[in-house]
Amino acid sequence: MGKAQLEELEKHGYYLSVPKGVSMWPMLRNKQDVVEIHSLREPAKRYDLVMYIRGAEQGVIHRVLHVRREEYVIAGDNCWQKEYIPREQVKGIALRFCRRGKWHSVDAAGYRFYVHLWTDLFFLRRPVFYLRDRLKRVLRRKHDRK
């Protein structure tokens, strides 16, 4: 997300984003799916998919794991590391997404089941994904030496 998208969000109250990267896989696929982001009008809640600003103007879409007084604890669905984001950095919230040409609401029962499963079991996902990433790093180093 660049400056133009942030201006679009502020001017119209929403914008469509094509996420880049794998941090939200398996829900969102790199450069294939579309997410409708709306301006945040009230504080985000646990399980919400929010867009926050990292650095100068990079927009990141991740899920809220916990809400604290002055910050959100968030993580991507394909990540094991938690991020602690000040509330003022969160600018938008996803209300629906398009996958394989079909729009899905974040209020749909199947989506809510996925979100609860994926978020509530973060304590299990975290060590598994940590080991996965460590193994990838070791294999990459081994491959680079050849």
C-alpha atoms as a PDB file:
ATOM      1  CA  MET A   1       0.000   0.000   0.000  1.00  0.00           C
ATOM      2  CA  GLY A   2       1.399   3.297  -0.996  1.00  0.00           C
ATOM      3  CA  LYS A   3       0.476   6.914  -0.522  1.00  0.00           C
ATOM      4  CA  ALA A   4      -2.209   6.774  -3.245  1.00  0.00           C
ATOM      5  CA  GLN A   5      -4.049   3.902  -1.566  1.00  0.00           C
ATOM      6  CA  LEU A   6      -3.937   5.632   1.821  1.00  0.00           C
ATOM      7  CA  GLU A   7      -5.382   8.776   0.207  1.00  0.00           C
ATOM      8  CA  GLU A   8      -8.092   6.639  -1.434  1.00  0.00           C
ATOM      9  CA  LEU A   9      -8.950   5.134   1.954  1.00  0.00           C
ATOM     10  CA  GLU A  10      -9.177   8.565   3.564  1.00  0.00           C
ATOM     11  CA  LYS A  11     -11.122  10.144   0.666  1.00  0.00           C
ATOM     12  CA  HIS A  12     -13.655   7.388  -0.125  1.00  0.00           C
ATOM     13  CA  GLY A  13     -13.612   5.352   3.076  1.00  0.00           C
ATOM     14  CA  TYR A  14     -12.467   2.149   1.358  1.00  0.00           C
ATOM     15  CA  TYR A  15     -10.183   0.723  -1.306  1.00  0.00           C
ATOM     16  CA  LEU A  16      -9.432  -2.619  -2.916  1.00  0.00           C
ATOM     17  CA  SER A  17      -6.042  -4.185  -2.276  1.00  0.00           C
ATOM     18  CA  VAL A  18      -4.225  -7.044  -3.986  1.00  0.00           C
ATOM     19  CA  PRO A  19      -1.970  -8.336  -1.201  1.00  0.00           C
ATOM     20  CA  LYS A  20       1.655  -9.058  -2.006  1.00  0.00           C
ATOM     21  CA  GLY A  21       3.579 -11.586   0.045  1.00  0.00           C
ATOM     22  CA  VAL A  22       2.796 -14.791   1.882  1.00  0.00           C
ATOM     23  CA  SER A  23       2.192 -13.568   5.436  1.00  0.00           C
ATOM     24  CA  MET A  24      -1.588 -14.087   5.189  1.00  0.00           C
ATOM     25  CA  TRP A  25      -1.486 -17.455   3.414  1.00  0.00           C
ATOM     26  CA  PRO A  26      -3.570 -19.668   3.363  1.00  0.00           C
ATOM     27  CA  MET A  27      -6.394 -17.114   3.510  1.00  0.00           C
ATOM     28  CA  LEU A  28      -4.908 -14.646   1.032  1.00  0.00           C
ATOM     29  CA  ARG A  29      -2.710 -15.741  -1.837  1.00  0.00           C
ATOM     30  CA  ASN A  30       0.170 -13.628  -3.129  1.00  0.00           C
ATOM     31  CA  LYS A  31      -1.010 -11.290  -5.932  1.00  0.00           C
ATOM     32  CA  GLN A  32      -4.096 -13.438  -6.614  1.00  0.00           C
ATOM     33  CA  ASP A  33      -6.805 -12.385  -4.176  1.00  0.00           C
ATOM     34  CA  VAL A  34      -8.453  -9.021  -3.509  1.00  0.00           C
ATOM     35  CA  VAL A  35      -9.316  -7.531  -0.110  1.00  0.00           C
ATOM     36  CA  GLU A  36     -11.787  -4.707   0.468  1.00  0.00           C
ATOM     37  CA  ILE A  37     -10.357  -2.439   3.162  1.00  0.00           C
ATOM     38  CA  HIS A  38     -12.573   0.137   4.903  1.00  0.00           C
ATOM     39  CA  SER A  39     -11.564   3.009   7.150  1.00  0.00           C
ATOM     40  CA  LEU A  40     -11.446   2.010  10.774  1.00  0.00           C
ATOM     41  CA  ARG A  41     -14.373   3.791  12.437  1.00  0.00           C
ATOM     42  CA  GLU A  42     -14.241   2.019  15.797  1.00  0.00           C
ATOM     43  CA  PRO A  43     -11.485   0.104  17.574  1.00  0.00           C
ATOM     44  CA  ALA A  44     -10.638  -3.261  16.063  1.00  0.00           C
ATOM     45  CA  LYS A  45     -11.537  -6.423  17.931  1.00  0.00           C
ATOM     46  CA  ARG A  46      -9.868  -9.773  18.340  1.00  0.00           C
ATOM     47  CA  TYR A  47     -10.019 -11.796  15.080  1.00  0.00           C
ATOM     48  CA  ASP A  48     -10.391  -8.689  12.880  1.00  0.00           C
ATOM     49  CA  LEU A  49      -8.243  -8.468   9.769  1.00  0.00           C
ATOM     50  CA  VAL A  50      -6.698  -4.998   9.900  1.00  0.00           C
ATOM     51  CA  MET A  51      -4.449  -2.894   7.727  1.00  0.00           C
ATOM     52  CA  TYR A  52      -1.746  -0.927   9.497  1.00  0.00           C
ATOM     53  CA  ILE A  53       1.054   1.330   8.331  1.00  0.00           C
ATOM     54  CA  ARG A  54       4.603   0.033   8.721  1.00  0.00           C
ATOM     55  CA  GLY A  55       7.375   2.558   8.288  1.00  0.00           C
ATOM     56  CA  ALA A  56       6.590   5.600   6.175  1.00  0.00           C
ATOM     57  CA  GLU A  57       3.685   4.286   4.115  1.00  0.00           C
ATOM     58  CA  GLN A  58       3.807   0.493   3.686  1.00  0.00           C
ATOM     59  CA  GLY A  59       0.407  -1.048   4.368  1.00  0.00           C
ATOM     60  CA  VAL A  60       0.324  -4.478   5.994  1.00  0.00           C
ATOM     61  CA  ILE A  61      -2.748  -6.686   6.416  1.00  0.00           C
ATOM     62  CA  HIS A  62      -2.622  -8.956   9.477  1.00  0.00           C
ATOM     63  CA  ARG A  63      -4.992 -10.414  12.055  1.00  0.00           C
ATOM     64  CA  VAL A  64      -5.661  -9.090  15.568  1.00  0.00           C
ATOM     65  CA  LEU A  65      -4.727 -11.697  18.184  1.00  0.00           C
ATOM     66  CA  HIS A  66      -5.292  -9.519  21.259  1.00  0.00           C
ATOM     67  CA  VAL A  67      -6.433  -5.995  22.017  1.00  0.00           C
ATOM     68  CA  ARG A  68      -4.567  -4.030  24.644  1.00  0.00           C
ATOM     69  CA  ARG A  69      -5.177  -0.550  26.005  1.00  0.00           C
ATOM     70  CA  GLU A  70      -2.718   1.240  23.710  1.00  0.00           C
ATOM     71  CA  GLU A  71      -1.801  -1.393  21.141  1.00  0.00           C
ATOM     72  CA  TYR A  72      -2.896  -4.391  19.141  1.00  0.00           C
ATOM     73  CA  VAL A  73      -1.080  -7.717  19.188  1.00  0.00           C
ATOM     74  CA  ILE A  74      -1.279  -8.998  15.616  1.00  0.00           C
ATOM     75  CA  ALA A  75       0.239 -11.590  13.312  1.00  0.00           C
ATOM     76  CA  GLY A  76      -0.129 -12.828   9.772  1.00  0.00           C
ATOM     77  CA  ASP A  77      -1.846 -16.185   9.320  1.00  0.00           C
ATOM     78  CA  ASN A  78       1.414 -17.640   7.958  1.00  0.00           C
ATOM     79  CA  CYS A  79       3.600 -16.103  10.696  1.00  0.00           C
ATOM     80  CA  TRP A  80       4.706 -17.215  14.136  1.00  0.00           C
ATOM     81  CA  GLN A  81       5.982 -13.849  15.378  1.00  0.00           C
ATOM     82  CA  LYS A  82       3.635 -11.456  17.160  1.00  0.00           C
ATOM     83  CA  GLU A  83       3.707  -7.756  16.348  1.00  0.00           C
ATOM     84  CA  TYR A  84       2.805  -5.013  18.798  1.00  0.00           C
ATOM     85  CA  ILE A  85       1.209  -2.178  16.854  1.00  0.00           C
ATOM     86  CA  PRO A  86       0.141   1.156  18.390  1.00  0.00           C
ATOM     87  CA  ARG A  87      -3.566   1.782  17.820  1.00  0.00           C
ATOM     88  CA  GLU A  88      -2.919   4.939  15.775  1.00  0.00           C
ATOM     89  CA  GLN A  89      -1.020   2.928  13.120  1.00  0.00           C
ATOM     90  CA  VAL A  90      -4.096   0.816  12.311  1.00  0.00           C
ATOM     91  CA  LYS A  91      -5.938   2.575   9.484  1.00  0.00           C
ATOM     92  CA  GLY A  92      -8.384   0.063   8.044  1.00  0.00           C
ATOM     93  CA  ILE A  93     -10.284  -3.168   8.420  1.00  0.00           C
ATOM     94  CA  ALA A  94     -11.104  -5.871   5.892  1.00  0.00           C
ATOM     95  CA  LEU A  95     -14.834  -6.487   5.442  1.00  0.00           C
ATOM     96  CA  ARG A  96     -14.673  -8.935   2.555  1.00  0.00           C
ATOM     97  CA  PHE A  97     -12.265 -10.595   0.170  1.00  0.00           C
ATOM     98  CA  CYS A  98     -12.385 -12.115  -3.295  1.00  0.00           C
ATOM     99  CA  ARG A  99     -10.860 -15.529  -3.904  1.00  0.00           C
ATOM    100  CA  ARG A 100     -11.107 -17.316  -7.245  1.00  0.00           C
ATOM    101  CA  GLY A 101     -13.650 -14.762  -8.466  1.00  0.00           C
ATOM    102  CA  LYS A 102     -16.042 -15.152  -5.517  1.00  0.00           C
ATOM    103  CA  TRP A 103     -16.522 -12.547  -2.780  1.00  0.00           C
ATOM    104  CA  HIS A 104     -16.573 -13.729   0.847  1.00  0.00           C
ATOM    105  CA  SER A 105     -17.781 -11.698   3.819  1.00  0.00           C
ATOM    106  CA  VAL A 106     -15.843 -11.723   7.070  1.00  0.00           C
ATOM    107  CA  ASP A 107     -19.206 -12.435   8.722  1.00  0.00           C
ATOM    108  CA  ALA A 108     -19.697 -15.764   6.887  1.00  0.00           C
ATOM    109  CA  ALA A 109     -19.843 -18.834   9.135  1.00  0.00           C
ATOM    110  CA  GLY A 110     -17.061 -20.722   7.320  1.00  0.00           C
ATOM    111  CA  TYR A 111     -14.731 -17.753   7.520  1.00  0.00           C
ATOM    112  CA  ARG A 112     -15.499 -17.208  11.218  1.00  0.00           C
ATOM    113  CA  PHE A 113     -14.744 -20.888  11.902  1.00  0.00           C
ATOM    114  CA  TYR A 114     -11.381 -20.582  10.096  1.00  0.00           C
ATOM    115  CA  VAL A 115     -10.520 -17.382  11.970  1.00  0.00           C
ATOM    116  CA  HIS A 116     -11.315 -18.824  15.395  1.00  0.00           C
ATOM    117  CA  LEU A 117      -9.444 -22.043  14.655  1.00  0.00           C
ATOM    118  CA  TRP A 118      -6.401 -20.248  13.244  1.00  0.00           C
ATOM    119  CA  THR A 119      -6.256 -17.560  15.965  1.00  0.00           C
ATOM    120  CA  ASP A 120      -7.263 -19.601  19.011  1.00  0.00           C
ATOM    121  CA  LEU A 121      -4.645 -22.237  18.183  1.00  0.00           C
ATOM    122  CA  PHE A 122      -1.853 -19.701  17.676  1.00  0.00           C
ATOM    123  CA  PHE A 123      -0.014 -21.232  20.636  1.00  0.00           C
ATOM    124  CA  LEU A 124       0.252 -24.482  18.610  1.00  0.00           C
ATOM    125  CA  ARG A 125       0.945 -22.804  15.280  1.00  0.00           C
ATOM    126  CA  ARG A 126       3.757 -20.697  16.711  1.00  0.00           C
ATOM    127  CA  PRO A 127       6.266 -23.497  17.525  1.00  0.00           C
ATOM    128  CA  VAL A 128       5.411 -25.432  14.351  1.00  0.00           C
ATOM    129  CA  PHE A 129       5.929 -22.396  12.100  1.00  0.00           C
ATOM    130  CA  TYR A 130       9.071 -21.424  14.024  1.00  0.00           C
ATOM    131  CA  LEU A 131      10.591 -24.868  13.372  1.00  0.00           C
ATOM    132  CA  ARG A 132       9.459 -24.711   9.735  1.00  0.00           C
ATOM    133  CA  ASP A 133      11.216 -21.368   9.235  1.00  0.00           C
ATOM    134  CA  ARG A 134      14.393 -22.551  10.993  1.00  0.00           C
ATOM    135  CA  LEU A 135      14.485 -25.663   8.809  1.00  0.00           C
ATOM    136  CA  LYS A 136      14.032 -23.563   5.663  1.00  0.00           C
ATOM    137  CA  ARG A 137      16.920 -21.340   6.758  1.00  0.00           C
ATOM    138  CA  VAL A 138      19.222 -24.325   7.350  1.00  0.00           C
ATOM    139  CA  LEU A 139      18.313 -25.877   3.998  1.00  0.00           C
ATOM    140  CA  ARG A 140      18.824 -22.550   2.211  1.00  0.00           C
ATOM    141  CA  ARG A 141      22.292 -22.129   3.749  1.00  0.00           C
ATOM    142  CA  LYS A 142      23.184 -25.685   2.804  1.00  0.00           C
ATOM    143  CA  HIS A 143      21.994 -25.081  -0.773  1.00  0.00           C
ATOM    144  CA  ASP A 144      23.870 -21.755  -1.006  1.00  0.00           C
ATOM    145  CA  ARG A 145      27.176 -23.441  -0.036  1.00  0.00           C
ATOM    146  CA  LYS A 146      27.014 -25.793  -3.021  1.00  0.00           C
END
